[in-house]
Amino acid sequence: MLLFVGLGNPGDRYVNNRHNIGFMAVQAIASRHNIAPWRRKFQGVAVEGMVGADRALLLLPGTFMNESGRAVAEAVHFYKIALKDVVVLHDELELPPGKLRVKTGGGNAGHNGLRSVSEHIGNDYKRVRLGIGHPGQKNLVHSYVLQDFPKAEQPWVEAICDIIADNAGLLASGKDSTFQNKVHLAMDAKGFGGADEEE
């Protein structure tokens, strides 16, 4: 069993926030792979089904971002999921909009959702870092991530979520670099100059 977790804040007012791109990507995976219906579970909403050849649980924590780890830990312990089989999709300030990186372990770079997950289950899970860009000044970060994506950015946001959904089977089967490259090439093909190879 794999666990795909989207990080974000629950509730209508946060739906289109930059901070919620992890939610958007996991919802796109569920939609593309015909996994339904979402049910209230593990302090959030979850749905179970096949992603490619692999059985997966998709989870959107219903706790706020800085308590995401509580929901993740509940799911991990219930299904006895190994950390290597946990994939967390989240917004990343240090990558330009439309860029993507996959990495296992590492620091949390001030991301409260990742900090919470690491506190509850340890650090050696996979992260899919979805670039949203940086506002330029540290004191602007809080309001920036809680703003909706402007209309001009919607095309690349939808594109990267769709492309992630198309290629989620590669991520499920552990082909991280192939997944990353396919997202990069598909974003390039759409004119968004998306993710490139691991730096």
N, C-alpha and C. Protein backbone atom coordinates (compact mmCIF):
# COMPACT_ATOMS: atom_id res chain seq x y z
N MET A 1 0.85 -1.21 0.00
CA MET A 1 0.00 0.00 0.00
C MET A 1 0.88 1.25 0.00
N LEU A 2 0.58 2.14 -0.94
CA LEU A 2 1.25 3.44 -1.00
C LEU A 2 0.34 4.48 -0.38
N LEU A 3 0.93 5.55 0.09
CA LEU A 3 0.15 6.67 0.61
C LEU A 3 0.56 7.95 -0.11
N PHE A 4 -0.38 8.54 -0.83
CA PHE A 4 -0.17 9.85 -1.45
C PHE A 4 -0.87 10.89 -0.58
N VAL A 5 -0.12 11.84 -0.07
CA VAL A 5 -0.68 12.89 0.78
C VAL A 5 -0.55 14.23 0.08
N GLY A 6 -1.65 14.96 -0.02
CA GLY A 6 -1.59 16.34 -0.49
C GLY A 6 -1.60 17.26 0.72
N LEU A 7 -0.68 18.22 0.77
CA LEU A 7 -0.68 19.17 1.87
C LEU A 7 -1.44 20.43 1.46
N GLY A 8 -2.21 20.95 2.41
CA GLY A 8 -3.01 22.15 2.18
C GLY A 8 -3.82 22.45 3.42
N ASN A 9 -4.65 23.44 3.34
CA ASN A 9 -5.57 23.78 4.44
C ASN A 9 -6.99 23.42 4.02
N PRO A 10 -7.79 22.85 4.94
CA PRO A 10 -9.16 22.49 4.61
C PRO A 10 -10.08 23.72 4.60
N GLY A 11 -11.16 23.63 3.86
CA GLY A 11 -12.16 24.70 3.87
C GLY A 11 -12.17 25.50 2.57
N ASP A 12 -13.35 26.02 2.23
CA ASP A 12 -13.55 26.70 0.95
C ASP A 12 -12.64 27.91 0.75
N ARG A 13 -12.33 28.62 1.84
CA ARG A 13 -11.56 29.86 1.67
C ARG A 13 -10.11 29.60 1.23
N TYR A 14 -9.64 28.36 1.38
CA TYR A 14 -8.25 28.04 1.04
C TYR A 14 -8.10 27.28 -0.28
N VAL A 15 -9.21 26.92 -0.90
CA VAL A 15 -9.19 25.97 -2.02
C VAL A 15 -8.18 26.34 -3.11
N ASN A 16 -8.13 27.60 -3.49
CA ASN A 16 -7.26 28.02 -4.60
C ASN A 16 -5.96 28.70 -4.14
N ASN A 17 -5.65 28.59 -2.85
CA ASN A 17 -4.40 29.17 -2.32
C ASN A 17 -3.16 28.49 -2.90
N ARG A 18 -2.07 29.25 -3.00
CA ARG A 18 -0.79 28.65 -3.40
C ARG A 18 -0.41 27.50 -2.46
N HIS A 19 -0.71 27.67 -1.17
CA HIS A 19 -0.36 26.67 -0.16
C HIS A 19 -1.08 25.34 -0.40
N ASN A 20 -2.14 25.35 -1.22
CA ASN A 20 -2.97 24.16 -1.42
C ASN A 20 -2.68 23.40 -2.70
N ILE A 21 -1.56 23.69 -3.36
CA ILE A 21 -1.28 23.01 -4.63
C ILE A 21 -1.08 21.50 -4.41
N GLY A 22 -0.65 21.10 -3.22
CA GLY A 22 -0.54 19.67 -2.91
C GLY A 22 -1.90 18.99 -2.94
N PHE A 23 -2.91 19.64 -2.35
CA PHE A 23 -4.30 19.15 -2.41
C PHE A 23 -4.72 18.99 -3.87
N MET A 24 -4.46 20.05 -4.66
CA MET A 24 -4.90 20.07 -6.06
C MET A 24 -4.31 18.89 -6.83
N ALA A 25 -3.02 18.62 -6.62
CA ALA A 25 -2.34 17.55 -7.35
C ALA A 25 -2.90 16.18 -6.98
N VAL A 26 -3.15 15.95 -5.69
CA VAL A 26 -3.67 14.65 -5.25
C VAL A 26 -5.12 14.47 -5.72
N GLN A 27 -5.90 15.54 -5.73
CA GLN A 27 -7.26 15.46 -6.27
C GLN A 27 -7.23 15.12 -7.76
N ALA A 28 -6.25 15.67 -8.48
CA ALA A 28 -6.11 15.37 -9.91
C ALA A 28 -5.75 13.90 -10.12
N ILE A 29 -4.89 13.35 -9.26
CA ILE A 29 -4.53 11.92 -9.36
C ILE A 29 -5.77 11.06 -9.16
N ALA A 30 -6.57 11.38 -8.14
CA ALA A 30 -7.79 10.61 -7.88
C ALA A 30 -8.73 10.66 -9.08
N SER A 31 -8.90 11.84 -9.65
CA SER A 31 -9.79 12.02 -10.78
C SER A 31 -9.31 11.24 -12.00
N ARG A 32 -8.02 11.36 -12.31
CA ARG A 32 -7.46 10.71 -13.51
C ARG A 32 -7.53 9.19 -13.41
N HIS A 33 -7.37 8.66 -12.21
CA HIS A 33 -7.33 7.20 -12.03
C HIS A 33 -8.68 6.65 -11.57
N ASN A 34 -9.71 7.48 -11.68
CA ASN A 34 -11.08 7.07 -11.35
C ASN A 34 -11.19 6.46 -9.95
N ILE A 35 -10.55 7.12 -8.99
CA ILE A 35 -10.58 6.65 -7.61
C ILE A 35 -11.60 7.52 -6.86
N ALA A 36 -12.67 6.87 -6.38
CA ALA A 36 -13.75 7.60 -5.70
C ALA A 36 -14.55 6.57 -4.90
N PRO A 37 -15.41 7.02 -3.97
CA PRO A 37 -15.60 8.40 -3.52
C PRO A 37 -14.70 8.71 -2.32
N TRP A 38 -14.43 10.00 -2.14
CA TRP A 38 -13.70 10.44 -0.95
C TRP A 38 -14.58 10.21 0.28
N ARG A 39 -13.97 9.75 1.37
CA ARG A 39 -14.71 9.55 2.63
C ARG A 39 -13.95 10.19 3.78
N ARG A 40 -14.68 10.60 4.81
CA ARG A 40 -14.04 11.16 6.00
C ARG A 40 -13.29 10.05 6.73
N LYS A 41 -12.00 10.23 6.90
CA LYS A 41 -11.16 9.19 7.50
C LYS A 41 -9.82 9.82 7.86
N PHE A 42 -9.18 9.26 8.87
CA PHE A 42 -7.82 9.70 9.26
C PHE A 42 -7.72 11.21 9.44
N GLN A 43 -8.68 11.79 10.15
CA GLN A 43 -8.70 13.24 10.41
C GLN A 43 -8.64 14.06 9.13
N GLY A 44 -9.26 13.53 8.10
CA GLY A 44 -9.29 14.24 6.82
C GLY A 44 -10.25 13.53 5.90
N VAL A 45 -9.97 13.58 4.60
CA VAL A 45 -10.72 12.77 3.64
C VAL A 45 -9.74 11.89 2.88
N ALA A 46 -10.17 10.65 2.61
CA ALA A 46 -9.29 9.69 1.98
C ALA A 46 -10.07 8.87 0.96
N VAL A 47 -9.33 8.29 0.02
CA VAL A 47 -9.91 7.43 -0.99
C VAL A 47 -8.86 6.40 -1.38
N GLU A 48 -9.30 5.20 -1.69
CA GLU A 48 -8.37 4.10 -1.95
C GLU A 48 -8.62 3.54 -3.34
N GLY A 49 -7.55 3.20 -4.07
CA GLY A 49 -7.71 2.62 -5.40
C GLY A 49 -6.36 2.34 -6.03
N MET A 50 -6.38 2.06 -7.31
CA MET A 50 -5.15 1.71 -8.03
C MET A 50 -4.56 2.94 -8.72
N VAL A 51 -3.27 3.13 -8.53
CA VAL A 51 -2.52 4.15 -9.27
C VAL A 51 -1.51 3.37 -10.10
N GLY A 52 -1.77 3.26 -11.38
CA GLY A 52 -0.96 2.36 -12.20
C GLY A 52 -1.21 0.93 -11.72
N ALA A 53 -0.13 0.21 -11.43
CA ALA A 53 -0.24 -1.18 -10.99
C ALA A 53 -0.24 -1.30 -9.46
N ASP A 54 -0.26 -0.18 -8.77
CA ASP A 54 -0.08 -0.20 -7.32
C ASP A 54 -1.33 0.30 -6.58
N ARG A 55 -1.63 -0.38 -5.48
CA ARG A 55 -2.75 0.04 -4.62
C ARG A 55 -2.29 1.25 -3.81
N ALA A 56 -3.14 2.25 -3.72
CA ALA A 56 -2.75 3.48 -3.03
C ALA A 56 -3.90 4.05 -2.23
N LEU A 57 -3.56 4.68 -1.13
CA LEU A 57 -4.48 5.50 -0.36
C LEU A 57 -4.12 6.95 -0.64
N LEU A 58 -5.11 7.74 -1.02
CA LEU A 58 -4.91 9.18 -1.24
C LEU A 58 -5.54 9.91 -0.06
N LEU A 59 -4.80 10.84 0.52
CA LEU A 59 -5.24 11.51 1.75
C LEU A 59 -5.07 13.01 1.66
N LEU A 60 -6.13 13.73 2.03
CA LEU A 60 -6.07 15.18 2.22
C LEU A 60 -6.35 15.43 3.70
N PRO A 61 -5.33 15.78 4.49
CA PRO A 61 -5.56 16.01 5.92
C PRO A 61 -6.61 17.10 6.15
N GLY A 62 -7.48 16.87 7.13
CA GLY A 62 -8.50 17.86 7.47
C GLY A 62 -8.06 18.76 8.60
N THR A 63 -6.88 18.45 9.15
CA THR A 63 -6.26 19.34 10.13
C THR A 63 -5.68 20.52 9.34
N PHE A 64 -5.34 21.60 9.99
CA PHE A 64 -4.69 22.67 9.24
C PHE A 64 -3.23 22.28 8.97
N MET A 65 -2.60 23.02 8.06
CA MET A 65 -1.29 22.67 7.55
C MET A 65 -0.31 22.27 8.65
N ASN A 66 -0.23 23.08 9.72
CA ASN A 66 0.79 22.83 10.74
C ASN A 66 0.48 21.62 11.63
N GLU A 67 -0.66 20.94 11.39
CA GLU A 67 -0.99 19.71 12.13
C GLU A 67 -1.16 18.53 11.17
N SER A 68 -0.68 18.67 9.94
CA SER A 68 -0.88 17.64 8.91
C SER A 68 -0.37 16.27 9.36
N GLY A 69 0.68 16.25 10.13
CA GLY A 69 1.31 14.99 10.54
C GLY A 69 0.39 14.08 11.32
N ARG A 70 -0.59 14.64 12.03
CA ARG A 70 -1.51 13.81 12.81
C ARG A 70 -2.31 12.90 11.90
N ALA A 71 -2.83 13.46 10.81
CA ALA A 71 -3.61 12.67 9.85
C ALA A 71 -2.73 11.64 9.15
N VAL A 72 -1.53 12.07 8.74
CA VAL A 72 -0.61 11.17 8.03
C VAL A 72 -0.22 10.00 8.94
N ALA A 73 0.10 10.29 10.19
CA ALA A 73 0.51 9.24 11.12
C ALA A 73 -0.61 8.22 11.33
N GLU A 74 -1.85 8.69 11.41
CA GLU A 74 -2.98 7.77 11.60
C GLU A 74 -3.08 6.79 10.44
N ALA A 75 -2.97 7.30 9.22
CA ALA A 75 -3.05 6.44 8.04
C ALA A 75 -1.86 5.47 7.97
N VAL A 76 -0.67 5.98 8.23
CA VAL A 76 0.55 5.16 8.20
C VAL A 76 0.45 4.01 9.20
N HIS A 77 0.01 4.31 10.42
CA HIS A 77 -0.07 3.28 11.45
C HIS A 77 -1.19 2.29 11.17
N PHE A 78 -2.32 2.76 10.65
CA PHE A 78 -3.45 1.88 10.36
C PHE A 78 -3.08 0.83 9.32
N TYR A 79 -2.40 1.27 8.25
CA TYR A 79 -2.05 0.36 7.16
C TYR A 79 -0.62 -0.19 7.27
N LYS A 80 0.10 0.22 8.33
CA LYS A 80 1.51 -0.19 8.50
C LYS A 80 2.32 0.09 7.23
N ILE A 81 2.22 1.33 6.77
CA ILE A 81 2.89 1.74 5.53
C ILE A 81 4.34 2.14 5.84
N ALA A 82 5.28 1.60 5.08
CA ALA A 82 6.69 1.96 5.23
C ALA A 82 6.91 3.40 4.76
N LEU A 83 7.87 4.09 5.39
CA LEU A 83 8.12 5.49 5.02
C LEU A 83 8.48 5.65 3.55
N LYS A 84 9.16 4.67 2.99
CA LYS A 84 9.55 4.77 1.57
C LYS A 84 8.33 4.75 0.65
N ASP A 85 7.18 4.32 1.19
CA ASP A 85 5.95 4.26 0.41
C ASP A 85 5.01 5.43 0.68
N VAL A 86 5.51 6.44 1.39
CA VAL A 86 4.74 7.65 1.67
C VAL A 86 5.23 8.75 0.73
N VAL A 87 4.30 9.33 -0.05
CA VAL A 87 4.63 10.40 -1.00
C VAL A 87 3.83 11.64 -0.60
N VAL A 88 4.53 12.71 -0.24
CA VAL A 88 3.87 13.95 0.19
C VAL A 88 4.06 15.00 -0.90
N LEU A 89 2.96 15.53 -1.42
CA LEU A 89 3.00 16.58 -2.45
C LEU A 89 2.72 17.92 -1.79
N HIS A 90 3.59 18.89 -2.02
CA HIS A 90 3.48 20.16 -1.29
C HIS A 90 4.03 21.33 -2.10
N ASP A 91 3.63 22.53 -1.70
CA ASP A 91 4.13 23.76 -2.32
C ASP A 91 5.57 24.00 -1.89
N GLU A 92 6.34 24.59 -2.79
CA GLU A 92 7.77 24.83 -2.54
C GLU A 92 8.14 26.24 -2.98
N LEU A 93 8.46 27.09 -2.01
CA LEU A 93 8.82 28.49 -2.28
C LEU A 93 10.13 28.62 -3.03
N GLU A 94 11.05 27.67 -2.81
CA GLU A 94 12.40 27.81 -3.36
C GLU A 94 12.52 27.34 -4.80
N LEU A 95 11.41 26.89 -5.39
CA LEU A 95 11.42 26.53 -6.81
C LEU A 95 10.53 27.51 -7.57
N PRO A 96 10.91 27.88 -8.80
CA PRO A 96 10.07 28.78 -9.60
C PRO A 96 8.73 28.12 -9.92
N PRO A 97 7.71 28.93 -10.18
CA PRO A 97 6.40 28.39 -10.54
C PRO A 97 6.49 27.40 -11.70
N GLY A 98 5.84 26.25 -11.55
CA GLY A 98 5.83 25.25 -12.61
C GLY A 98 7.00 24.28 -12.59
N LYS A 99 7.94 24.49 -11.68
CA LYS A 99 9.06 23.55 -11.53
C LYS A 99 8.67 22.47 -10.52
N LEU A 100 9.34 21.33 -10.60
CA LEU A 100 9.04 20.23 -9.71
C LEU A 100 10.32 19.47 -9.39
N ARG A 101 10.42 18.98 -8.17
CA ARG A 101 11.53 18.11 -7.76
C ARG A 101 10.98 16.99 -6.90
N VAL A 102 11.57 15.81 -7.05
CA VAL A 102 11.24 14.69 -6.17
C VAL A 102 12.48 14.39 -5.34
N LYS A 103 12.29 14.25 -4.03
CA LYS A 103 13.42 13.88 -3.18
C LYS A 103 12.90 13.08 -2.00
N THR A 104 13.77 12.27 -1.43
CA THR A 104 13.43 11.52 -0.22
C THR A 104 14.23 12.09 0.94
N GLY A 105 13.55 12.34 2.05
CA GLY A 105 14.22 12.90 3.23
C GLY A 105 14.64 14.34 3.01
N GLY A 106 15.56 14.82 3.83
CA GLY A 106 16.04 16.19 3.73
C GLY A 106 15.35 17.10 4.73
N GLY A 107 15.68 18.36 4.66
CA GLY A 107 15.13 19.34 5.59
C GLY A 107 13.72 19.76 5.21
N ASN A 108 13.11 20.55 6.08
CA ASN A 108 11.74 20.99 5.84
C ASN A 108 11.66 22.43 5.34
N ALA A 109 12.79 23.12 5.31
CA ALA A 109 12.88 24.48 4.76
C ALA A 109 11.78 25.41 5.27
N GLY A 110 11.45 25.26 6.54
CA GLY A 110 10.45 26.15 7.14
C GLY A 110 9.02 25.83 6.78
N HIS A 111 8.79 24.71 6.08
CA HIS A 111 7.43 24.34 5.68
C HIS A 111 6.73 23.65 6.86
N ASN A 112 5.70 24.30 7.39
CA ASN A 112 5.05 23.78 8.60
C ASN A 112 4.38 22.43 8.40
N GLY A 113 3.88 22.19 7.20
CA GLY A 113 3.26 20.89 6.92
C GLY A 113 4.29 19.77 6.96
N LEU A 114 5.43 19.98 6.30
CA LEU A 114 6.50 18.98 6.32
C LEU A 114 7.03 18.78 7.73
N ARG A 115 7.19 19.87 8.45
CA ARG A 115 7.69 19.77 9.83
C ARG A 115 6.77 18.88 10.66
N SER A 116 5.48 19.07 10.52
CA SER A 116 4.51 18.28 11.27
C SER A 116 4.57 16.80 10.87
N VAL A 117 4.64 16.54 9.56
CA VAL A 117 4.72 15.14 9.09
C VAL A 117 5.98 14.48 9.64
N SER A 118 7.11 15.18 9.57
CA SER A 118 8.38 14.61 10.05
C SER A 118 8.34 14.35 11.56
N GLU A 119 7.71 15.25 12.30
CA GLU A 119 7.59 15.06 13.76
C GLU A 119 6.78 13.81 14.10
N HIS A 120 5.81 13.47 13.25
CA HIS A 120 4.91 12.36 13.56
C HIS A 120 5.36 11.02 13.01
N ILE A 121 6.04 11.00 11.85
CA ILE A 121 6.40 9.70 11.26
C ILE A 121 7.88 9.55 10.96
N GLY A 122 8.68 10.59 11.19
CA GLY A 122 10.09 10.53 10.80
C GLY A 122 10.29 11.28 9.49
N ASN A 123 11.52 11.27 9.00
CA ASN A 123 11.88 12.17 7.90
C ASN A 123 12.05 11.49 6.55
N ASP A 124 12.10 10.14 6.53
CA ASP A 124 12.54 9.45 5.31
C ASP A 124 11.41 9.08 4.37
N TYR A 125 10.50 10.02 4.15
CA TYR A 125 9.43 9.83 3.18
C TYR A 125 9.75 10.64 1.93
N LYS A 126 9.02 10.35 0.85
CA LYS A 126 9.26 11.00 -0.43
C LYS A 126 8.48 12.31 -0.49
N ARG A 127 9.12 13.36 -1.02
CA ARG A 127 8.43 14.64 -1.19
C ARG A 127 8.41 14.99 -2.68
N VAL A 128 7.26 15.43 -3.16
CA VAL A 128 7.16 16.01 -4.49
C VAL A 128 6.98 17.51 -4.28
N ARG A 129 8.03 18.25 -4.58
CA ARG A 129 8.09 19.69 -4.30
C ARG A 129 7.57 20.45 -5.52
N LEU A 130 6.47 21.15 -5.34
CA LEU A 130 5.82 21.86 -6.44
C LEU A 130 6.11 23.35 -6.32
N GLY A 131 6.91 23.85 -7.22
CA GLY A 131 7.35 25.24 -7.15
C GLY A 131 6.21 26.23 -7.30
N ILE A 132 6.17 27.20 -6.38
CA ILE A 132 5.18 28.29 -6.48
C ILE A 132 5.87 29.65 -6.53
N GLY A 133 7.23 29.64 -6.50
CA GLY A 133 7.96 30.90 -6.50
C GLY A 133 7.99 31.54 -5.11
N HIS A 134 8.81 32.56 -4.97
CA HIS A 134 9.00 33.24 -3.68
C HIS A 134 8.63 34.72 -3.86
N PRO A 135 7.96 35.30 -2.87
CA PRO A 135 7.56 36.71 -3.02
C PRO A 135 8.74 37.69 -2.96
N GLY A 136 9.94 37.18 -2.59
CA GLY A 136 11.12 38.04 -2.60
C GLY A 136 11.58 38.49 -1.23
N GLN A 137 10.65 38.61 -0.28
CA GLN A 137 11.01 39.01 1.08
C GLN A 137 10.38 38.04 2.07
N LYS A 138 11.16 37.67 3.10
CA LYS A 138 10.70 36.68 4.06
C LYS A 138 9.40 37.11 4.76
N ASN A 139 9.28 38.39 5.04
CA ASN A 139 8.10 38.86 5.78
C ASN A 139 6.82 38.82 4.94
N LEU A 140 6.95 38.59 3.63
CA LEU A 140 5.78 38.50 2.75
C LEU A 140 5.30 37.07 2.53
N VAL A 141 6.10 36.09 3.00
CA VAL A 141 5.81 34.68 2.70
C VAL A 141 4.43 34.24 3.19
N HIS A 142 4.09 34.57 4.42
CA HIS A 142 2.84 34.09 5.01
C HIS A 142 1.62 34.51 4.18
N SER A 143 1.56 35.79 3.85
CA SER A 143 0.40 36.26 3.07
C SER A 143 0.46 35.73 1.63
N TYR A 144 1.67 35.55 1.10
CA TYR A 144 1.84 35.05 -0.28
C TYR A 144 1.27 33.64 -0.44
N VAL A 145 1.63 32.74 0.48
CA VAL A 145 1.19 31.35 0.32
C VAL A 145 -0.32 31.21 0.56
N LEU A 146 -0.90 32.14 1.33
CA LEU A 146 -2.34 32.07 1.60
C LEU A 146 -3.17 32.89 0.62
N GLN A 147 -2.52 33.39 -0.44
CA GLN A 147 -3.25 34.06 -1.51
C GLN A 147 -3.63 33.03 -2.57
N ASP A 148 -4.76 33.26 -3.25
CA ASP A 148 -5.13 32.43 -4.38
C ASP A 148 -4.15 32.63 -5.52
N PHE A 149 -3.95 31.57 -6.32
CA PHE A 149 -3.21 31.74 -7.56
C PHE A 149 -3.97 32.75 -8.42
N PRO A 150 -3.29 33.77 -8.95
CA PRO A 150 -3.98 34.71 -9.84
C PRO A 150 -4.41 34.01 -11.13
N LYS A 151 -5.36 34.61 -11.81
CA LYS A 151 -5.90 34.02 -13.04
C LYS A 151 -4.81 33.71 -14.06
N ALA A 152 -3.81 34.58 -14.12
CA ALA A 152 -2.72 34.39 -15.10
C ALA A 152 -1.90 33.12 -14.83
N GLU A 153 -1.92 32.65 -13.59
CA GLU A 153 -1.13 31.45 -13.25
C GLU A 153 -1.95 30.17 -13.34
N GLN A 154 -3.27 30.28 -13.46
CA GLN A 154 -4.11 29.09 -13.47
C GLN A 154 -3.72 28.07 -14.55
N PRO A 155 -3.34 28.52 -15.77
CA PRO A 155 -3.01 27.52 -16.80
C PRO A 155 -1.85 26.60 -16.41
N TRP A 156 -0.77 27.15 -15.84
CA TRP A 156 0.33 26.25 -15.48
C TRP A 156 -0.02 25.39 -14.27
N VAL A 157 -0.83 25.91 -13.35
CA VAL A 157 -1.23 25.12 -12.17
C VAL A 157 -2.05 23.91 -12.63
N GLU A 158 -3.02 24.16 -13.50
CA GLU A 158 -3.84 23.05 -14.02
C GLU A 158 -2.98 22.08 -14.82
N ALA A 159 -2.06 22.61 -15.61
CA ALA A 159 -1.21 21.75 -16.44
C ALA A 159 -0.35 20.83 -15.59
N ILE A 160 0.30 21.37 -14.57
CA ILE A 160 1.20 20.52 -13.78
C ILE A 160 0.41 19.48 -12.98
N CYS A 161 -0.77 19.83 -12.49
CA CYS A 161 -1.60 18.86 -11.78
C CYS A 161 -2.04 17.74 -12.72
N ASP A 162 -2.43 18.09 -13.94
CA ASP A 162 -2.84 17.09 -14.93
C ASP A 162 -1.67 16.18 -15.30
N ILE A 163 -0.50 16.77 -15.49
CA ILE A 163 0.67 15.99 -15.90
C ILE A 163 1.13 15.06 -14.77
N ILE A 164 1.08 15.55 -13.55
CA ILE A 164 1.38 14.69 -12.39
C ILE A 164 0.41 13.51 -12.36
N ALA A 165 -0.88 13.80 -12.56
CA ALA A 165 -1.89 12.73 -12.56
C ALA A 165 -1.62 11.71 -13.66
N ASP A 166 -1.25 12.20 -14.86
CA ASP A 166 -0.96 11.30 -15.99
C ASP A 166 0.19 10.36 -15.67
N ASN A 167 1.16 10.84 -14.92
CA ASN A 167 2.40 10.09 -14.69
C ASN A 167 2.54 9.53 -13.28
N ALA A 168 1.46 9.58 -12.50
CA ALA A 168 1.53 9.15 -11.09
C ALA A 168 1.91 7.68 -10.94
N GLY A 169 1.61 6.87 -11.96
CA GLY A 169 2.00 5.46 -11.91
C GLY A 169 3.51 5.28 -11.81
N LEU A 170 4.26 6.17 -12.45
CA LEU A 170 5.73 6.13 -12.37
C LEU A 170 6.19 6.42 -10.95
N LEU A 171 5.55 7.40 -10.33
CA LEU A 171 5.87 7.76 -8.95
C LEU A 171 5.53 6.59 -8.02
N ALA A 172 4.38 5.96 -8.27
CA ALA A 172 3.95 4.83 -7.44
C ALA A 172 4.92 3.67 -7.52
N SER A 173 5.51 3.46 -8.71
CA SER A 173 6.41 2.31 -8.89
C SER A 173 7.87 2.66 -8.60
N GLY A 174 8.10 3.86 -8.05
CA GLY A 174 9.46 4.22 -7.62
C GLY A 174 10.36 4.76 -8.72
N LYS A 175 9.80 5.05 -9.89
CA LYS A 175 10.61 5.59 -10.99
C LYS A 175 10.62 7.11 -10.90
N ASP A 176 11.24 7.62 -9.83
CA ASP A 176 11.16 9.05 -9.50
C ASP A 176 11.80 9.93 -10.56
N SER A 177 12.98 9.55 -11.05
CA SER A 177 13.66 10.42 -12.01
C SER A 177 12.93 10.42 -13.35
N THR A 178 12.37 9.26 -13.74
CA THR A 178 11.58 9.20 -14.97
C THR A 178 10.33 10.07 -14.84
N PHE A 179 9.68 9.98 -13.69
CA PHE A 179 8.50 10.82 -13.41
C PHE A 179 8.86 12.30 -13.54
N GLN A 180 9.96 12.68 -12.89
CA GLN A 180 10.38 14.08 -12.89
C GLN A 180 10.66 14.56 -14.32
N ASN A 181 11.36 13.73 -15.09
CA ASN A 181 11.70 14.11 -16.46
C ASN A 181 10.46 14.21 -17.35
N LYS A 182 9.51 13.29 -17.16
CA LYS A 182 8.29 13.33 -17.98
C LYS A 182 7.47 14.58 -17.68
N VAL A 183 7.41 14.96 -16.40
CA VAL A 183 6.71 16.20 -16.04
C VAL A 183 7.40 17.39 -16.70
N HIS A 184 8.73 17.40 -16.60
CA HIS A 184 9.53 18.47 -17.20
C HIS A 184 9.25 18.60 -18.70
N LEU A 185 9.31 17.47 -19.41
CA LEU A 185 9.14 17.50 -20.86
C LEU A 185 7.72 17.92 -21.24
N ALA A 186 6.74 17.42 -20.49
CA ALA A 186 5.35 17.76 -20.80
C ALA A 186 5.06 19.24 -20.52
N MET A 187 5.64 19.76 -19.43
CA MET A 187 5.46 21.19 -19.14
C MET A 187 6.14 22.04 -20.22
N ASP A 188 7.32 21.62 -20.65
CA ASP A 188 8.01 22.31 -21.75
C ASP A 188 7.15 22.32 -23.01
N ALA A 189 6.58 21.17 -23.31
CA ALA A 189 5.78 21.03 -24.52
C ALA A 189 4.56 21.95 -24.49
N LYS A 190 4.06 22.23 -23.29
CA LYS A 190 2.91 23.12 -23.14
C LYS A 190 3.33 24.59 -23.05
N GLY A 191 4.66 24.82 -23.09
CA GLY A 191 5.16 26.19 -23.07
C GLY A 191 5.33 26.79 -21.69
N PHE A 192 5.36 25.93 -20.65
CA PHE A 192 5.50 26.44 -19.29
C PHE A 192 6.91 26.28 -18.74
N GLY A 193 7.81 25.69 -19.52
CA GLY A 193 9.20 25.54 -19.08
C GLY A 193 9.32 24.89 -17.74
N GLY A 194 8.55 23.83 -17.51
CA GLY A 194 8.38 23.22 -16.19
C GLY A 194 9.61 22.73 -15.50
N ALA A 195 9.51 21.62 -14.82
CA ALA A 195 10.59 21.11 -13.98
C ALA A 195 11.73 20.61 -14.82
N ASP A 196 12.94 20.68 -14.26
CA ASP A 196 14.06 20.08 -14.94
C ASP A 196 14.72 19.07 -14.02
N GLU A 197 15.83 18.51 -14.46
CA GLU A 197 16.42 17.41 -13.70
C GLU A 197 16.98 17.89 -12.37
N GLU A 198 17.16 16.90 -11.48
CA GLU A 198 17.65 17.19 -10.12
C GLU A 198 18.91 18.00 -10.18
N GLU A 199 18.98 19.08 -9.42
CA GLU A 199 20.17 19.91 -9.47
C GLU A 199 21.24 19.29 -8.59
